[in-house]
Amino acid sequence: MENEQSKPFLSIEIDQAINAPVVIVNGQRIEKIVHLGVDWSTNHKHQTLKNVTISYYESVGILKTVTYENEIIIS
């Protein structure tokens, strides 16, 4: 059984520029994505994920937007 801490917070796979990316957040795949925004930066000592915004259709006609705004230090 895989350790929960070994799973990445965010995984993004893009196989072709015209296809929607495969996005997995905390082990859960997000389906029917219409927008993905990632703000990431580095100060040469730490890499910091500043903001992730994902908009997707939760069901027919119901658009949901989730934003992760906590700074996550990736060392």
PDB file of N, CA and C in Angstrom:
ATOM      1  N   MET A   1       0.833  -1.179   0.000  1.00  0.00           N
ATOM      2  CA  MET A   1       0.000   0.000   0.000  1.00  0.00           C
ATOM      3  C   MET A   1       0.877   1.241   0.000  1.00  0.00           C
ATOM      4  N   GLU A   2       0.578   2.184  -0.888  1.00  0.00           N
ATOM      5  CA  GLU A   2       1.407   3.369  -1.048  1.00  0.00           C
ATOM      6  C   GLU A   2       1.168   4.353   0.088  1.00  0.00           C
ATOM      7  N   ASN A   3       2.228   4.924   0.600  1.00  0.00           N
ATOM      8  CA  ASN A   3       2.164   5.912   1.665  1.00  0.00           C
ATOM      9  C   ASN A   3       1.528   7.188   1.133  1.00  0.00           C
ATOM     10  N   GLU A   4       0.539   7.739   1.850  1.00  0.00           N
ATOM     11  CA  GLU A   4      -0.156   8.954   1.418  1.00  0.00           C
ATOM     12  C   GLU A   4       0.816  10.119   1.216  1.00  0.00           C
ATOM     13  N   GLN A   5       1.848  10.223   2.042  1.00  0.00           N
ATOM     14  CA  GLN A   5       2.787  11.329   1.930  1.00  0.00           C
ATOM     15  C   GLN A   5       3.661  11.224   0.687  1.00  0.00           C
ATOM     16  N   SER A   6       3.754  10.052   0.074  1.00  0.00           N
ATOM     17  CA  SER A   6       4.588   9.905  -1.109  1.00  0.00           C
ATOM     18  C   SER A   6       3.854  10.337  -2.377  1.00  0.00           C
ATOM     19  N   LYS A   7       2.535  10.546  -2.301  1.00  0.00           N
ATOM     20  CA  LYS A   7       1.768  10.992  -3.459  1.00  0.00           C
ATOM     21  C   LYS A   7       1.958  12.500  -3.638  1.00  0.00           C
ATOM     22  N   PRO A   8       2.089  12.952  -4.879  1.00  0.00           N
ATOM     23  CA  PRO A   8       2.236  14.392  -5.103  1.00  0.00           C
ATOM     24  C   PRO A   8       0.922  15.136  -4.835  1.00  0.00           C
ATOM     25  N   PHE A   9       1.019  16.389  -4.410  1.00  0.00           N
ATOM     26  CA  PHE A   9      -0.151  17.231  -4.228  1.00  0.00           C
ATOM     27  C   PHE A   9      -0.840  17.478  -5.564  1.00  0.00           C
ATOM     28  N   LEU A  10      -0.050  17.769  -6.593  1.00  0.00           N
ATOM     29  CA  LEU A  10      -0.584  18.122  -7.897  1.00  0.00           C
ATOM     30  C   LEU A  10       0.191  17.413  -8.995  1.00  0.00           C
ATOM     31  N   SER A  11      -0.531  16.787  -9.901  1.00  0.00           N
ATOM     32  CA  SER A  11       0.071  16.145 -11.063  1.00  0.00           C
ATOM     33  C   SER A  11      -0.661  16.633 -12.304  1.00  0.00           C
ATOM     34  N   ILE A  12       0.101  17.118 -13.299  1.00  0.00           N
ATOM     35  CA  ILE A  12      -0.476  17.608 -14.552  1.00  0.00           C
ATOM     36  C   ILE A  12       0.218  16.901 -15.700  1.00  0.00           C
ATOM     37  N   GLU A  13      -0.571  16.271 -16.578  1.00  0.00           N
ATOM     38  CA  GLU A  13      -0.028  15.617 -17.761  1.00  0.00           C
ATOM     39  C   GLU A  13      -0.685  16.227 -18.989  1.00  0.00           C
ATOM     40  N   ILE A  14       0.129  16.642 -19.948  1.00  0.00           N
ATOM     41  CA  ILE A  14      -0.372  17.200 -21.197  1.00  0.00           C
ATOM     42  C   ILE A  14       0.255  16.404 -22.321  1.00  0.00           C
ATOM     43  N   ASP A  15      -0.588  15.643 -23.052  1.00  0.00           N
ATOM     44  CA  ASP A  15      -0.025  14.818 -24.117  1.00  0.00           C
ATOM     45  C   ASP A  15       0.017  15.563 -25.447  1.00  0.00           C
ATOM     46  N   GLN A  16      -0.929  16.457 -25.697  1.00  0.00           N
ATOM     47  CA  GLN A  16      -0.927  17.305 -26.882  1.00  0.00           C
ATOM     48  C   GLN A  16      -1.518  18.653 -26.492  1.00  0.00           C
ATOM     49  N   ALA A  17      -1.052  19.699 -27.116  1.00  0.00           N
ATOM     50  CA  ALA A  17      -1.500  21.043 -26.764  1.00  0.00           C
ATOM     51  C   ALA A  17      -3.001  21.237 -26.958  1.00  0.00           C
ATOM     52  N   ILE A  18      -3.628  20.481 -27.841  1.00  0.00           N
ATOM     53  CA  ILE A  18      -5.056  20.675 -28.098  1.00  0.00           C
ATOM     54  C   ILE A  18      -5.958  19.868 -27.162  1.00  0.00           C
ATOM     55  N   ASN A  19      -5.393  18.923 -26.407  1.00  0.00           N
ATOM     56  CA  ASN A  19      -6.176  18.100 -25.487  1.00  0.00           C
ATOM     57  C   ASN A  19      -6.204  18.711 -24.094  1.00  0.00           C
ATOM     58  N   ALA A  20      -7.294  18.463 -23.370  1.00  0.00           N
ATOM     59  CA  ALA A  20      -7.358  18.895 -21.975  1.00  0.00           C
ATOM     60  C   ALA A  20      -6.303  18.141 -21.171  1.00  0.00           C
ATOM     61  N   PRO A  21      -5.668  18.815 -20.208  1.00  0.00           N
ATOM     62  CA  PRO A  21      -4.676  18.117 -19.398  1.00  0.00           C
ATOM     63  C   PRO A  21      -5.339  17.135 -18.443  1.00  0.00           C
ATOM     64  N   VAL A  22      -4.573  16.128 -18.044  1.00  0.00           N
ATOM     65  CA  VAL A  22      -5.000  15.228 -16.980  1.00  0.00           C
ATOM     66  C   VAL A  22      -4.480  15.847 -15.689  1.00  0.00           C
ATOM     67  N   VAL A  23      -5.396  16.168 -14.779  1.00  0.00           N
ATOM     68  CA  VAL A  23      -5.030  16.837 -13.529  1.00  0.00           C
ATOM     69  C   VAL A  23      -5.466  15.963 -12.359  1.00  0.00           C
ATOM     70  N   ILE A  24      -4.511  15.707 -11.472  1.00  0.00           N
ATOM     71  CA  ILE A  24      -4.791  14.936 -10.266  1.00  0.00           C
ATOM     72  C   ILE A  24      -4.367  15.784  -9.071  1.00  0.00           C
ATOM     73  N   VAL A  25      -5.313  16.022  -8.152  1.00  0.00           N
ATOM     74  CA  VAL A  25      -5.051  16.803  -6.947  1.00  0.00           C
ATOM     75  C   VAL A  25      -5.278  15.897  -5.748  1.00  0.00           C
ATOM     76  N   ASN A  26      -4.247  15.767  -4.924  1.00  0.00           N
ATOM     77  CA  ASN A  26      -4.327  14.905  -3.733  1.00  0.00           C
ATOM     78  C   ASN A  26      -4.869  13.515  -4.071  1.00  0.00           C
ATOM     79  N   GLY A  27      -4.420  12.955  -5.177  1.00  0.00           N
ATOM     80  CA  GLY A  27      -4.811  11.608  -5.566  1.00  0.00           C
ATOM     81  C   GLY A  27      -6.152  11.492  -6.268  1.00  0.00           C
ATOM     82  N   GLN A  28      -6.872  12.606  -6.445  1.00  0.00           N
ATOM     83  CA  GLN A  28      -8.182  12.570  -7.096  1.00  0.00           C
ATOM     84  C   GLN A  28      -8.100  13.226  -8.473  1.00  0.00           C
ATOM     85  N   ARG A  29      -8.481  12.466  -9.506  1.00  0.00           N
ATOM     86  CA  ARG A  29      -8.473  12.998 -10.878  1.00  0.00           C
ATOM     87  C   ARG A  29      -9.650  13.955 -11.063  1.00  0.00           C
ATOM     88  N   ILE A  30      -9.372  15.116 -11.635  1.00  0.00           N
ATOM     89  CA  ILE A  30     -10.400  16.116 -11.914  1.00  0.00           C
ATOM     90  C   ILE A  30     -10.828  15.951 -13.367  1.00  0.00           C
ATOM     91  N   GLU A  31     -12.103  15.727 -13.590  1.00  0.00           N
ATOM     92  CA  GLU A  31     -12.646  15.497 -14.930  1.00  0.00           C
ATOM     93  C   GLU A  31     -13.289  16.779 -15.469  1.00  0.00           C
ATOM     94  N   LYS A  32     -13.470  16.842 -16.778  1.00  0.00           N
ATOM     95  CA  LYS A  32     -14.201  17.907 -17.484  1.00  0.00           C
ATOM     96  C   LYS A  32     -13.656  19.306 -17.173  1.00  0.00           C
ATOM     97  N   ILE A  33     -12.330  19.447 -17.221  1.00  0.00           N
ATOM     98  CA  ILE A  33     -11.660  20.713 -16.923  1.00  0.00           C
ATOM     99  C   ILE A  33     -11.877  21.707 -18.061  1.00  0.00           C
ATOM    100  N   VAL A  34     -12.185  22.951 -17.691  1.00  0.00           N
ATOM    101  CA  VAL A  34     -12.307  24.015 -18.683  1.00  0.00           C
ATOM    102  C   VAL A  34     -11.253  25.101 -18.465  1.00  0.00           C
ATOM    103  N   HIS A  35     -10.617  25.124 -17.271  1.00  0.00           N
ATOM    104  CA  HIS A  35      -9.559  26.093 -16.994  1.00  0.00           C
ATOM    105  C   HIS A  35      -8.618  25.522 -15.935  1.00  0.00           C
ATOM    106  N   LEU A  36      -7.319  25.723 -16.148  1.00  0.00           N
ATOM    107  CA  LEU A  36      -6.306  25.342 -15.175  1.00  0.00           C
ATOM    108  C   LEU A  36      -5.292  26.472 -15.101  1.00  0.00           C
ATOM    109  N   GLY A  37      -5.092  27.010 -13.924  1.00  0.00           N
ATOM    110  CA  GLY A  37      -4.103  28.071 -13.730  1.00  0.00           C
ATOM    111  C   GLY A  37      -3.152  27.692 -12.619  1.00  0.00           C
ATOM    112  N   VAL A  38      -1.850  27.843 -12.866  1.00  0.00           N
ATOM    113  CA  VAL A  38      -0.830  27.523 -11.871  1.00  0.00           C
ATOM    114  C   VAL A  38       0.134  28.694 -11.779  1.00  0.00           C
ATOM    115  N   ASP A  39       0.350  29.195 -10.556  1.00  0.00           N
ATOM    116  CA  ASP A  39       1.318  30.261 -10.306  1.00  0.00           C
ATOM    117  C   ASP A  39       2.428  29.664  -9.447  1.00  0.00           C
ATOM    118  N   TRP A  40       3.614  29.552 -10.013  1.00  0.00           N
ATOM    119  CA  TRP A  40       4.744  28.929  -9.337  1.00  0.00           C
ATOM    120  C   TRP A  40       5.939  29.859  -9.461  1.00  0.00           C
ATOM    121  N   SER A  41       6.791  29.913  -8.430  1.00  0.00           N
ATOM    122  CA  SER A  41       7.992  30.746  -8.507  1.00  0.00           C
ATOM    123  C   SER A  41       9.097  30.150  -7.638  1.00  0.00           C
ATOM    124  N   THR A  42      10.296  30.682  -7.818  1.00  0.00           N
ATOM    125  CA  THR A  42      11.434  30.235  -7.018  1.00  0.00           C
ATOM    126  C   THR A  42      12.267  31.446  -6.610  1.00  0.00           C
ATOM    127  N   ASN A  43      12.902  31.350  -5.468  1.00  0.00           N
ATOM    128  CA  ASN A  43      13.833  32.404  -5.036  1.00  0.00           C
ATOM    129  C   ASN A  43      15.236  31.832  -4.890  1.00  0.00           C
ATOM    130  N   HIS A  44      15.532  30.781  -5.617  1.00  0.00           N
ATOM    131  CA  HIS A  44      16.823  30.081  -5.658  1.00  0.00           C
ATOM    132  C   HIS A  44      17.098  29.238  -4.417  1.00  0.00           C
ATOM    133  N   LYS A  45      16.311  29.400  -3.355  1.00  0.00           N
ATOM    134  CA  LYS A  45      16.465  28.550  -2.179  1.00  0.00           C
ATOM    135  C   LYS A  45      15.293  27.591  -2.056  1.00  0.00           C
ATOM    136  N   HIS A  46      14.098  28.078  -2.352  1.00  0.00           N
ATOM    137  CA  HIS A  46      12.895  27.267  -2.249  1.00  0.00           C
ATOM    138  C   HIS A  46      12.034  27.473  -3.480  1.00  0.00           C
ATOM    139  N   GLN A  47      11.371  26.421  -3.892  1.00  0.00           N
ATOM    140  CA  GLN A  47      10.368  26.518  -4.944  1.00  0.00           C
ATOM    141  C   GLN A  47       9.022  26.643  -4.237  1.00  0.00           C
ATOM    142  N   THR A  48       8.202  27.601  -4.647  1.00  0.00           N
ATOM    143  CA  THR A  48       6.960  27.866  -3.962  1.00  0.00           C
ATOM    144  C   THR A  48       5.796  27.827  -4.936  1.00  0.00           C
ATOM    145  N   LEU A  49       4.801  26.995  -4.643  1.00  0.00           N
ATOM    146  CA  LEU A  49       3.577  26.964  -5.411  1.00  0.00           C
ATOM    147  C   LEU A  49       2.650  27.979  -4.769  1.00  0.00           C
ATOM    148  N   LYS A  50       2.370  29.069  -5.462  1.00  0.00           N
ATOM    149  CA  LYS A  50       1.604  30.167  -4.896  1.00  0.00           C
ATOM    150  C   LYS A  50       0.103  29.966  -5.017  1.00  0.00           C
ATOM    151  N   ASN A  51      -0.349  29.435  -6.173  1.00  0.00           N
ATOM    152  CA  ASN A  51      -1.778  29.415  -6.425  1.00  0.00           C
ATOM    153  C   ASN A  51      -2.101  28.403  -7.525  1.00  0.00           C
ATOM    154  N   VAL A  52      -3.137  27.611  -7.314  1.00  0.00           N
ATOM    155  CA  VAL A  52      -3.644  26.705  -8.338  1.00  0.00           C
ATOM    156  C   VAL A  52      -5.149  26.934  -8.420  1.00  0.00           C
ATOM    157  N   THR A  53      -5.655  27.202  -9.625  1.00  0.00           N
ATOM    158  CA  THR A  53      -7.091  27.373  -9.841  1.00  0.00           C
ATOM    159  C   THR A  53      -7.536  26.386 -10.909  1.00  0.00           C
ATOM    160  N   ILE A  54      -8.605  25.646 -10.603  1.00  0.00           N
ATOM    161  CA  ILE A  54      -9.143  24.661 -11.530  1.00  0.00           C
ATOM    162  C   ILE A  54     -10.643  24.899 -11.660  1.00  0.00           C
ATOM    163  N   SER A  55     -11.103  25.092 -12.896  1.00  0.00           N
ATOM    164  CA  SER A  55     -12.539  25.179 -13.162  1.00  0.00           C
ATOM    165  C   SER A  55     -12.937  23.950 -13.957  1.00  0.00           C
ATOM    166  N   TYR A  56     -14.030  23.325 -13.543  1.00  0.00           N
ATOM    167  CA  TYR A  56     -14.481  22.100 -14.211  1.00  0.00           C
ATOM    168  C   TYR A  56     -15.990  21.958 -14.043  1.00  0.00           C
ATOM    169  N   TYR A  57     -16.570  21.138 -14.906  1.00  0.00           N
ATOM    170  CA  TYR A  57     -18.003  20.863 -14.803  1.00  0.00           C
ATOM    171  C   TYR A  57     -18.203  19.731 -13.801  1.00  0.00           C
ATOM    172  N   GLU A  58     -18.836  20.069 -12.686  1.00  0.00           N
ATOM    173  CA  GLU A  58     -19.135  19.087 -11.648  1.00  0.00           C
ATOM    174  C   GLU A  58     -20.249  18.148 -12.118  1.00  0.00           C
ATOM    175  N   SER A  59     -21.207  18.701 -12.851  1.00  0.00           N
ATOM    176  CA  SER A  59     -22.270  17.943 -13.507  1.00  0.00           C
ATOM    177  C   SER A  59     -22.776  18.808 -14.658  1.00  0.00           C
ATOM    178  N   VAL A  60     -23.728  18.326 -15.415  1.00  0.00           N
ATOM    179  CA  VAL A  60     -24.218  19.059 -16.585  1.00  0.00           C
ATOM    180  C   VAL A  60     -24.705  20.449 -16.159  1.00  0.00           C
ATOM    181  N   GLY A  61     -24.091  21.471 -16.724  1.00  0.00           N
ATOM    182  CA  GLY A  61     -24.490  22.851 -16.447  1.00  0.00           C
ATOM    183  C   GLY A  61     -23.990  23.430 -15.131  1.00  0.00           C
ATOM    184  N   ILE A  62     -23.281  22.660 -14.318  1.00  0.00           N
ATOM    185  CA  ILE A  62     -22.781  23.138 -13.024  1.00  0.00           C
ATOM    186  C   ILE A  62     -21.256  23.274 -13.099  1.00  0.00           C
ATOM    187  N   LEU A  63     -20.794  24.529 -13.258  1.00  0.00           N
ATOM    188  CA  LEU A  63     -19.359  24.813 -13.318  1.00  0.00           C
ATOM    189  C   LEU A  63     -18.858  25.102 -11.914  1.00  0.00           C
ATOM    190  N   LYS A  64     -17.793  24.438 -11.520  1.00  0.00           N
ATOM    191  CA  LYS A  64     -17.213  24.620 -10.195  1.00  0.00           C
ATOM    192  C   LYS A  64     -15.779  25.104 -10.350  1.00  0.00           C
ATOM    193  N   THR A  65     -15.370  26.048  -9.501  1.00  0.00           N
ATOM    194  CA  THR A  65     -13.998  26.534  -9.490  1.00  0.00           C
ATOM    195  C   THR A  65     -13.404  26.306  -8.110  1.00  0.00           C
ATOM    196  N   VAL A  66     -12.228  25.679  -8.084  1.00  0.00           N
ATOM    197  CA  VAL A  66     -11.518  25.405  -6.830  1.00  0.00           C
ATOM    198  C   VAL A  66     -10.183  26.130  -6.909  1.00  0.00           C
ATOM    199  N   THR A  67      -9.838  26.844  -5.834  1.00  0.00           N
ATOM    200  CA  THR A  67      -8.557  27.553  -5.779  1.00  0.00           C
ATOM    201  C   THR A  67      -7.794  27.130  -4.540  1.00  0.00           C
ATOM    202  N   TYR A  68      -6.544  26.732  -4.734  1.00  0.00           N
ATOM    203  CA  TYR A  68      -5.636  26.427  -3.630  1.00  0.00           C
ATOM    204  C   TYR A  68      -4.691  27.604  -3.530  1.00  0.00           C
ATOM    205  N   GLU A  69      -4.813  28.409  -2.466  1.00  0.00           N
ATOM    206  CA  GLU A  69      -4.044  29.642  -2.351  1.00  0.00           C
ATOM    207  C   GLU A  69      -2.900  29.560  -1.338  1.00  0.00           C
ATOM    208  N   ASN A  70      -2.819  28.480  -0.610  1.00  0.00           N
ATOM    209  CA  ASN A  70      -1.759  28.367   0.376  1.00  0.00           C
ATOM    210  C   ASN A  70      -0.421  28.238  -0.322  1.00  0.00           C
ATOM    211  N   GLU A  71       0.588  28.902   0.222  1.00  0.00           N
ATOM    212  CA  GLU A  71       1.927  28.730  -0.316  1.00  0.00           C
ATOM    213  C   GLU A  71       2.450  27.378   0.123  1.00  0.00           C
ATOM    214  N   ILE A  72       2.873  26.596  -0.811  1.00  0.00           N
ATOM    215  CA  ILE A  72       3.377  25.255  -0.545  1.00  0.00           C
ATOM    216  C   ILE A  72       4.855  25.242  -0.886  1.00  0.00           C
ATOM    217  N   ILE A  73       5.696  24.994   0.079  1.00  0.00           N
ATOM    218  CA  ILE A  73       7.140  24.967  -0.144  1.00  0.00           C
ATOM    219  C   ILE A  73       7.529  23.581  -0.644  1.00  0.00           C
ATOM    220  N   ILE A  74       8.190  23.537  -1.767  1.00  0.00           N
ATOM    221  CA  ILE A  74       8.668  22.285  -2.351  1.00  0.00           C
ATOM    222  C   ILE A  74      10.186  22.315  -2.259  1.00  0.00           C
ATOM    223  N   SER A  75      10.764  21.509  -1.385  1.00  0.00           N
ATOM    224  CA  SER A  75      12.224  21.557  -1.242  1.00  0.00           C
ATOM    225  C   SER A  75      12.884  20.309  -1.747  1.00  0.00           C
TER     226      SER A  75
END
